[in-house]
Amino acid sequence: KTGNPQLLAAVHLYVGEMDAKRGLLTSGRRHTRLGQEMISRAPNVWLEAVAENTFLAIAVMHNDFDLGLIHGERALNFAEQSGSATTLRACLGNLGNLYLMVGNFDQAIAYFERAIEALPTRGPNTNANLDSLARIRLLQGRTDACRLLISRIDESIQTRSDRLLYPNRYAQLTKTQLALREGRSSDALNGVEALFDLAVKTEDWILK
């Protein structure tokens, strides 16, 4: 209604991001593409970074790592130009996820640590990177280090609604996998039940 293409682009981009986080990848891609088309009429490097970062995340979910790297480099470039620490942190975190998925743990750790340093805060955005570091330690068999990282996440979760947030519910998945690795079957089963409840309440079909 405002006739402002950047405002309309932002709406599409954030709907695209939310849909992608719920596992609705086709819808997420469509909204992100619509937003990007509108930015072409009124360029904005911050919105470009948001769009490329969503495309990066979707590519990682599809295991299309070559495409993900292309979008990741673009996202990082736009984020650095924009000066937005929040967007820069998100882009660095998703690049870390890409390198984690291909098994390049050293590169992944470097990106996650850069993401935490870009905007050191306490909450779900930092928890996303802490959880990714925890998953690396679990894959390396370093269960003690994994447990310490998960404990940092747990300490930041104050309410039931906090647990529903995207990074925090995936940290619950890592915590459940840690319990299974350590042979704590009862804790792992309880974790699975809690995860299923979170997935249903948030309509997160990938987690379900």
C-alpha atoms as a PDB file:
ATOM      1  CA  LYS A   1       0.000   0.000   0.000  1.00  0.00           C
ATOM      2  CA  THR A   2       2.900   2.390   0.619  1.00  0.00           C
ATOM      3  CA  GLY A   3       4.277   1.882  -2.876  1.00  0.00           C
ATOM      4  CA  ASN A   4       7.762   1.549  -1.355  1.00  0.00           C
ATOM      5  CA  PRO A   5       9.572  -1.302  -3.191  1.00  0.00           C
ATOM      6  CA  GLN A   6      12.184  -1.721  -0.441  1.00  0.00           C
ATOM      7  CA  LEU A   7       9.511  -2.126   2.236  1.00  0.00           C
ATOM      8  CA  LEU A   8       7.625  -4.673   0.151  1.00  0.00           C
ATOM      9  CA  ALA A   9      10.902  -6.461  -0.622  1.00  0.00           C
ATOM     10  CA  ALA A  10      11.675  -6.658   3.102  1.00  0.00           C
ATOM     11  CA  VAL A  11       8.281  -8.245   3.794  1.00  0.00           C
ATOM     12  CA  HIS A  12       8.857 -10.925   1.141  1.00  0.00           C
ATOM     13  CA  LEU A  13      12.413 -11.565   2.345  1.00  0.00           C
ATOM     14  CA  TYR A  14      11.416 -12.082   5.958  1.00  0.00           C
ATOM     15  CA  VAL A  15       8.475 -14.298   5.012  1.00  0.00           C
ATOM     16  CA  GLY A  16      10.946 -16.264   2.891  1.00  0.00           C
ATOM     17  CA  GLU A  17      13.342 -16.584   5.822  1.00  0.00           C
ATOM     18  CA  MET A  18      10.590 -17.722   8.203  1.00  0.00           C
ATOM     19  CA  ASP A  19       9.257 -20.284   5.707  1.00  0.00           C
ATOM     20  CA  ALA A  20      12.747 -21.684   5.122  1.00  0.00           C
ATOM     21  CA  LYS A  21      13.215 -22.094   8.883  1.00  0.00           C
ATOM     22  CA  ARG A  22       9.970 -24.097   9.017  1.00  0.00           C
ATOM     23  CA  GLY A  23      11.180 -26.385   6.223  1.00  0.00           C
ATOM     24  CA  LEU A  24       8.896 -24.805   3.594  1.00  0.00           C
ATOM     25  CA  LEU A  25      11.782 -24.438   1.169  1.00  0.00           C
ATOM     26  CA  THR A  26       9.791 -23.922  -2.044  1.00  0.00           C
ATOM     27  CA  SER A  27       7.781 -21.107  -0.484  1.00  0.00           C
ATOM     28  CA  GLY A  28      10.904 -19.689   1.136  1.00  0.00           C
ATOM     29  CA  ARG A  29      12.725 -19.580  -2.182  1.00  0.00           C
ATOM     30  CA  ARG A  30       9.728 -18.019  -3.969  1.00  0.00           C
ATOM     31  CA  HIS A  31       9.303 -15.188  -1.465  1.00  0.00           C
ATOM     32  CA  THR A  32      13.043 -14.538  -1.410  1.00  0.00           C
ATOM     33  CA  ARG A  33      13.156 -14.373  -5.201  1.00  0.00           C
ATOM     34  CA  LEU A  34      10.212 -11.938  -5.233  1.00  0.00           C
ATOM     35  CA  GLY A  35      11.962  -9.757  -2.683  1.00  0.00           C
ATOM     36  CA  GLN A  36      15.162  -9.810  -4.688  1.00  0.00           C
ATOM     37  CA  GLU A  37      13.313  -8.759  -7.852  1.00  0.00           C
ATOM     38  CA  MET A  38      11.918  -5.730  -6.008  1.00  0.00           C
ATOM     39  CA  ILE A  39      15.356  -4.775  -4.698  1.00  0.00           C
ATOM     40  CA  SER A  40      16.557  -4.554  -8.307  1.00  0.00           C
ATOM     41  CA  ARG A  41      14.285  -1.506  -8.696  1.00  0.00           C
ATOM     42  CA  ALA A  42      15.543   0.113  -5.507  1.00  0.00           C
ATOM     43  CA  PRO A  43      18.980  -1.334  -4.573  1.00  0.00           C
ATOM     44  CA  ASN A  44      19.767  -1.935  -0.906  1.00  0.00           C
ATOM     45  CA  VAL A  45      22.875  -3.887   0.118  1.00  0.00           C
ATOM     46  CA  TRP A  46      21.406  -4.909   3.478  1.00  0.00           C
ATOM     47  CA  LEU A  47      18.333  -6.494   1.861  1.00  0.00           C
ATOM     48  CA  GLU A  48      20.581  -8.090  -0.765  1.00  0.00           C
ATOM     49  CA  ALA A  49      22.552  -9.695   2.068  1.00  0.00           C
ATOM     50  CA  VAL A  50      19.351 -11.001   3.670  1.00  0.00           C
ATOM     51  CA  ALA A  51      18.206 -12.495   0.348  1.00  0.00           C
ATOM     52  CA  GLU A  52      21.536 -14.160  -0.445  1.00  0.00           C
ATOM     53  CA  ASN A  53      21.790 -15.522   3.091  1.00  0.00           C
ATOM     54  CA  THR A  54      18.379 -17.193   2.778  1.00  0.00           C
ATOM     55  CA  PHE A  55      19.388 -18.693  -0.582  1.00  0.00           C
ATOM     56  CA  LEU A  56      22.585 -19.932   1.122  1.00  0.00           C
ATOM     57  CA  ALA A  57      20.587 -21.585   3.915  1.00  0.00           C
ATOM     58  CA  ILE A  58      18.206 -23.244   1.444  1.00  0.00           C
ATOM     59  CA  ALA A  59      21.123 -24.534  -0.630  1.00  0.00           C
ATOM     60  CA  VAL A  60      22.671 -26.081   2.495  1.00  0.00           C
ATOM     61  CA  MET A  61      19.344 -27.765   3.334  1.00  0.00           C
ATOM     62  CA  HIS A  62      19.318 -29.191  -0.204  1.00  0.00           C
ATOM     63  CA  ASN A  63      22.963 -30.326   0.123  1.00  0.00           C
ATOM     64  CA  ASP A  64      23.838 -28.133  -2.883  1.00  0.00           C
ATOM     65  CA  PHE A  65      27.150 -26.915  -1.522  1.00  0.00           C
ATOM     66  CA  ASP A  66      28.564 -25.403  -4.726  1.00  0.00           C
ATOM     67  CA  LEU A  67      25.500 -23.188  -5.099  1.00  0.00           C
ATOM     68  CA  GLY A  68      25.580 -22.469  -1.392  1.00  0.00           C
ATOM     69  CA  LEU A  69      29.155 -21.216  -1.617  1.00  0.00           C
ATOM     70  CA  ILE A  70      28.209 -18.835  -4.443  1.00  0.00           C
ATOM     71  CA  HIS A  71      25.332 -17.391  -2.424  1.00  0.00           C
ATOM     72  CA  GLY A  72      27.477 -17.365   0.722  1.00  0.00           C
ATOM     73  CA  GLU A  73      30.224 -15.264  -0.870  1.00  0.00           C
ATOM     74  CA  ARG A  74      27.629 -12.829  -2.186  1.00  0.00           C
ATOM     75  CA  ALA A  75      25.866 -12.668   1.185  1.00  0.00           C
ATOM     76  CA  LEU A  76      29.108 -11.989   3.043  1.00  0.00           C
ATOM     77  CA  ASN A  77      30.109  -9.261   0.578  1.00  0.00           C
ATOM     78  CA  PHE A  78      26.744  -7.481   0.869  1.00  0.00           C
ATOM     79  CA  ALA A  79      26.678  -7.886   4.665  1.00  0.00           C
ATOM     80  CA  GLU A  80      30.122  -6.314   5.036  1.00  0.00           C
ATOM     81  CA  GLN A  81      29.062  -3.426   2.793  1.00  0.00           C
ATOM     82  CA  SER A  82      25.841  -2.905   4.760  1.00  0.00           C
ATOM     83  CA  GLY A  83      27.579  -2.507   8.113  1.00  0.00           C
ATOM     84  CA  SER A  84      24.876  -4.621   9.807  1.00  0.00           C
ATOM     85  CA  ALA A  85      26.527  -6.744  12.493  1.00  0.00           C
ATOM     86  CA  THR A  86      23.358  -8.833  12.861  1.00  0.00           C
ATOM     87  CA  THR A  87      23.279  -9.738   9.166  1.00  0.00           C
ATOM     88  CA  LEU A  88      27.032 -10.325   9.088  1.00  0.00           C
ATOM     89  CA  ARG A  89      26.708 -12.750  12.015  1.00  0.00           C
ATOM     90  CA  ALA A  90      23.918 -14.632  10.219  1.00  0.00           C
ATOM     91  CA  CYS A  91      25.920 -14.935   6.996  1.00  0.00           C
ATOM     92  CA  LEU A  92      29.051 -16.121   8.791  1.00  0.00           C
ATOM     93  CA  GLY A  93      27.003 -18.679  10.717  1.00  0.00           C
ATOM     94  CA  ASN A  94      25.438 -20.124   7.570  1.00  0.00           C
ATOM     95  CA  LEU A  95      28.813 -20.304   5.847  1.00  0.00           C
ATOM     96  CA  GLY A  96      30.000 -22.207   8.905  1.00  0.00           C
ATOM     97  CA  ASN A  97      27.077 -24.596   8.454  1.00  0.00           C
ATOM     98  CA  LEU A  98      28.051 -25.140   4.828  1.00  0.00           C
ATOM     99  CA  TYR A  99      31.620 -26.079   5.726  1.00  0.00           C
ATOM    100  CA  LEU A 100      30.345 -28.253   8.575  1.00  0.00           C
ATOM    101  CA  MET A 101      28.163 -30.193   6.128  1.00  0.00           C
ATOM    102  CA  VAL A 102      31.115 -30.889   3.794  1.00  0.00           C
ATOM    103  CA  GLY A 103      33.265 -31.999   6.729  1.00  0.00           C
ATOM    104  CA  ASN A 104      35.720 -29.084   6.750  1.00  0.00           C
ATOM    105  CA  PHE A 105      35.609 -28.634  10.506  1.00  0.00           C
ATOM    106  CA  ASP A 106      38.509 -26.172  10.766  1.00  0.00           C
ATOM    107  CA  GLN A 107      36.933 -23.774   8.279  1.00  0.00           C
ATOM    108  CA  ALA A 108      33.510 -24.221   9.903  1.00  0.00           C
ATOM    109  CA  ILE A 109      34.892 -23.432  13.371  1.00  0.00           C
ATOM    110  CA  ALA A 110      36.607 -20.304  12.002  1.00  0.00           C
ATOM    111  CA  TYR A 111      33.310 -19.001  10.585  1.00  0.00           C
ATOM    112  CA  PHE A 112      31.339 -19.803  13.740  1.00  0.00           C
ATOM    113  CA  GLU A 113      33.885 -18.051  15.928  1.00  0.00           C
ATOM    114  CA  ARG A 114      33.864 -15.033  13.604  1.00  0.00           C
ATOM    115  CA  ALA A 115      30.066 -14.993  13.807  1.00  0.00           C
ATOM    116  CA  ILE A 116      30.143 -14.936  17.620  1.00  0.00           C
ATOM    117  CA  GLU A 117      32.787 -12.181  17.616  1.00  0.00           C
ATOM    118  CA  ALA A 118      30.830 -10.095  15.062  1.00  0.00           C
ATOM    119  CA  LEU A 119      28.087  -9.445  17.621  1.00  0.00           C
ATOM    120  CA  PRO A 120      28.741 -11.074  21.016  1.00  0.00           C
ATOM    121  CA  THR A 121      25.348 -11.295  22.717  1.00  0.00           C
ATOM    122  CA  ARG A 122      23.447 -13.733  24.896  1.00  0.00           C
ATOM    123  CA  GLY A 123      20.441 -15.269  23.185  1.00  0.00           C
ATOM    124  CA  PRO A 124      19.159 -17.345  20.267  1.00  0.00           C
ATOM    125  CA  ASN A 125      21.400 -15.863  17.563  1.00  0.00           C
ATOM    126  CA  THR A 126      24.568 -16.623  19.497  1.00  0.00           C
ATOM    127  CA  ASN A 127      23.080 -19.986  20.488  1.00  0.00           C
ATOM    128  CA  ALA A 128      22.825 -20.981  16.823  1.00  0.00           C
ATOM    129  CA  ASN A 129      26.596 -20.700  16.487  1.00  0.00           C
ATOM    130  CA  LEU A 130      27.274 -22.326  19.851  1.00  0.00           C
ATOM    131  CA  ASP A 131      25.067 -25.250  18.820  1.00  0.00           C
ATOM    132  CA  SER A 132      26.954 -25.636  15.550  1.00  0.00           C
ATOM    133  CA  LEU A 133      30.244 -25.704  17.456  1.00  0.00           C
ATOM    134  CA  ALA A 134      28.725 -28.294  19.808  1.00  0.00           C
ATOM    135  CA  ARG A 135      27.766 -30.475  16.829  1.00  0.00           C
ATOM    136  CA  ILE A 136      31.341 -30.333  15.555  1.00  0.00           C
ATOM    137  CA  ARG A 137      32.691 -31.393  18.949  1.00  0.00           C
ATOM    138  CA  LEU A 138      30.167 -34.237  19.018  1.00  0.00           C
ATOM    139  CA  LEU A 139      31.271 -35.397  15.555  1.00  0.00           C
ATOM    140  CA  GLN A 140      34.871 -35.263  16.763  1.00  0.00           C
ATOM    141  CA  GLY A 141      33.984 -37.405  19.767  1.00  0.00           C
ATOM    142  CA  ARG A 142      34.792 -34.553  22.167  1.00  0.00           C
ATOM    143  CA  THR A 143      31.697 -35.052  24.309  1.00  0.00           C
ATOM    144  CA  ASP A 144      32.966 -32.981  27.250  1.00  0.00           C
ATOM    145  CA  ALA A 145      33.451 -29.932  25.013  1.00  0.00           C
ATOM    146  CA  CYS A 146      30.054 -30.540  23.427  1.00  0.00           C
ATOM    147  CA  ARG A 147      28.393 -30.678  26.846  1.00  0.00           C
ATOM    148  CA  LEU A 148      29.967 -27.369  27.925  1.00  0.00           C
ATOM    149  CA  LEU A 149      28.659 -25.613  24.815  1.00  0.00           C
ATOM    150  CA  ILE A 150      25.167 -27.055  25.298  1.00  0.00           C
ATOM    151  CA  SER A 151      25.253 -25.904  28.931  1.00  0.00           C
ATOM    152  CA  ARG A 152      25.945 -22.333  27.776  1.00  0.00           C
ATOM    153  CA  ILE A 153      22.851 -22.522  25.575  1.00  0.00           C
ATOM    154  CA  ASP A 154      20.690 -23.991  28.367  1.00  0.00           C
ATOM    155  CA  GLU A 155      21.726 -21.175  30.706  1.00  0.00           C
ATOM    156  CA  SER A 156      20.367 -18.584  28.253  1.00  0.00           C
ATOM    157  CA  ILE A 157      16.931 -20.230  27.944  1.00  0.00           C
ATOM    158  CA  GLN A 158      14.642 -18.626  30.514  1.00  0.00           C
ATOM    159  CA  THR A 159      11.101 -19.397  29.354  1.00  0.00           C
ATOM    160  CA  ARG A 160       9.072 -22.011  27.473  1.00  0.00           C
ATOM    161  CA  SER A 161       8.751 -19.609  24.552  1.00  0.00           C
ATOM    162  CA  ASP A 162      12.563 -19.316  24.422  1.00  0.00           C
ATOM    163  CA  ARG A 163      12.768 -23.059  23.819  1.00  0.00           C
ATOM    164  CA  LEU A 164      10.493 -22.741  20.784  1.00  0.00           C
ATOM    165  CA  LEU A 165      12.921 -20.437  18.988  1.00  0.00           C
ATOM    166  CA  TYR A 166      14.635 -21.950  15.944  1.00  0.00           C
ATOM    167  CA  PRO A 167      18.248 -22.074  17.262  1.00  0.00           C
ATOM    168  CA  ASN A 168      17.178 -23.311  20.694  1.00  0.00           C
ATOM    169  CA  ARG A 169      15.044 -26.187  19.447  1.00  0.00           C
ATOM    170  CA  TYR A 170      17.902 -27.412  17.238  1.00  0.00           C
ATOM    171  CA  ALA A 171      20.221 -27.176  20.234  1.00  0.00           C
ATOM    172  CA  GLN A 172      17.785 -29.583  21.910  1.00  0.00           C
ATOM    173  CA  LEU A 173      18.419 -31.963  19.001  1.00  0.00           C
ATOM    174  CA  THR A 174      22.172 -31.787  19.597  1.00  0.00           C
ATOM    175  CA  LYS A 175      21.622 -32.320  23.308  1.00  0.00           C
ATOM    176  CA  THR A 176      19.554 -35.428  22.538  1.00  0.00           C
ATOM    177  CA  GLN A 177      22.237 -36.766  20.196  1.00  0.00           C
ATOM    178  CA  LEU A 178      24.837 -36.190  22.910  1.00  0.00           C
ATOM    179  CA  ALA A 179      22.752 -38.220  25.373  1.00  0.00           C
ATOM    180  CA  LEU A 180      22.541 -41.049  22.844  1.00  0.00           C
ATOM    181  CA  ARG A 181      26.303 -40.941  22.206  1.00  0.00           C
ATOM    182  CA  GLU A 182      26.965 -41.170  25.933  1.00  0.00           C
ATOM    183  CA  GLY A 183      24.604 -44.125  26.340  1.00  0.00           C
ATOM    184  CA  ARG A 184      21.981 -42.222  28.340  1.00  0.00           C
ATOM    185  CA  SER A 185      19.052 -43.875  26.566  1.00  0.00           C
ATOM    186  CA  SER A 186      16.355 -42.602  28.906  1.00  0.00           C
ATOM    187  CA  ASP A 187      17.510 -38.987  28.514  1.00  0.00           C
ATOM    188  CA  ALA A 188      17.702 -39.451  24.742  1.00  0.00           C
ATOM    189  CA  LEU A 189      14.124 -40.786  24.559  1.00  0.00           C
ATOM    190  CA  ASN A 190      12.860 -37.905  26.696  1.00  0.00           C
ATOM    191  CA  GLY A 191      14.727 -35.555  24.382  1.00  0.00           C
ATOM    192  CA  VAL A 192      13.070 -37.067  21.314  1.00  0.00           C
ATOM    193  CA  GLU A 193       9.619 -36.609  22.871  1.00  0.00           C
ATOM    194  CA  ALA A 194      10.397 -32.980  23.686  1.00  0.00           C
ATOM    195  CA  LEU A 195      11.704 -32.420  20.160  1.00  0.00           C
ATOM    196  CA  PHE A 196       8.568 -33.861  18.598  1.00  0.00           C
ATOM    197  CA  ASP A 197       6.461 -31.516  20.714  1.00  0.00           C
ATOM    198  CA  LEU A 198       8.581 -28.529  19.657  1.00  0.00           C
ATOM    199  CA  ALA A 199       8.397 -29.530  15.981  1.00  0.00           C
ATOM    200  CA  VAL A 200       4.609 -29.798  16.037  1.00  0.00           C
ATOM    201  CA  LYS A 201       4.092 -26.524  17.913  1.00  0.00           C
ATOM    202  CA  THR A 202       6.370 -24.584  15.557  1.00  0.00           C
ATOM    203  CA  GLU A 203       5.272 -26.466  12.406  1.00  0.00           C
ATOM    204  CA  ASP A 204       8.928 -27.288  11.748  1.00  0.00           C
ATOM    205  CA  TRP A 205       8.553 -30.184   9.326  1.00  0.00           C
ATOM    206  CA  ILE A 206      12.287 -30.750   8.839  1.00  0.00           C
ATOM    207  CA  LEU A 207      12.791 -31.185  12.591  1.00  0.00           C
ATOM    208  CA  LYS A 208       9.700 -33.427  12.811  1.00  0.00           C
END
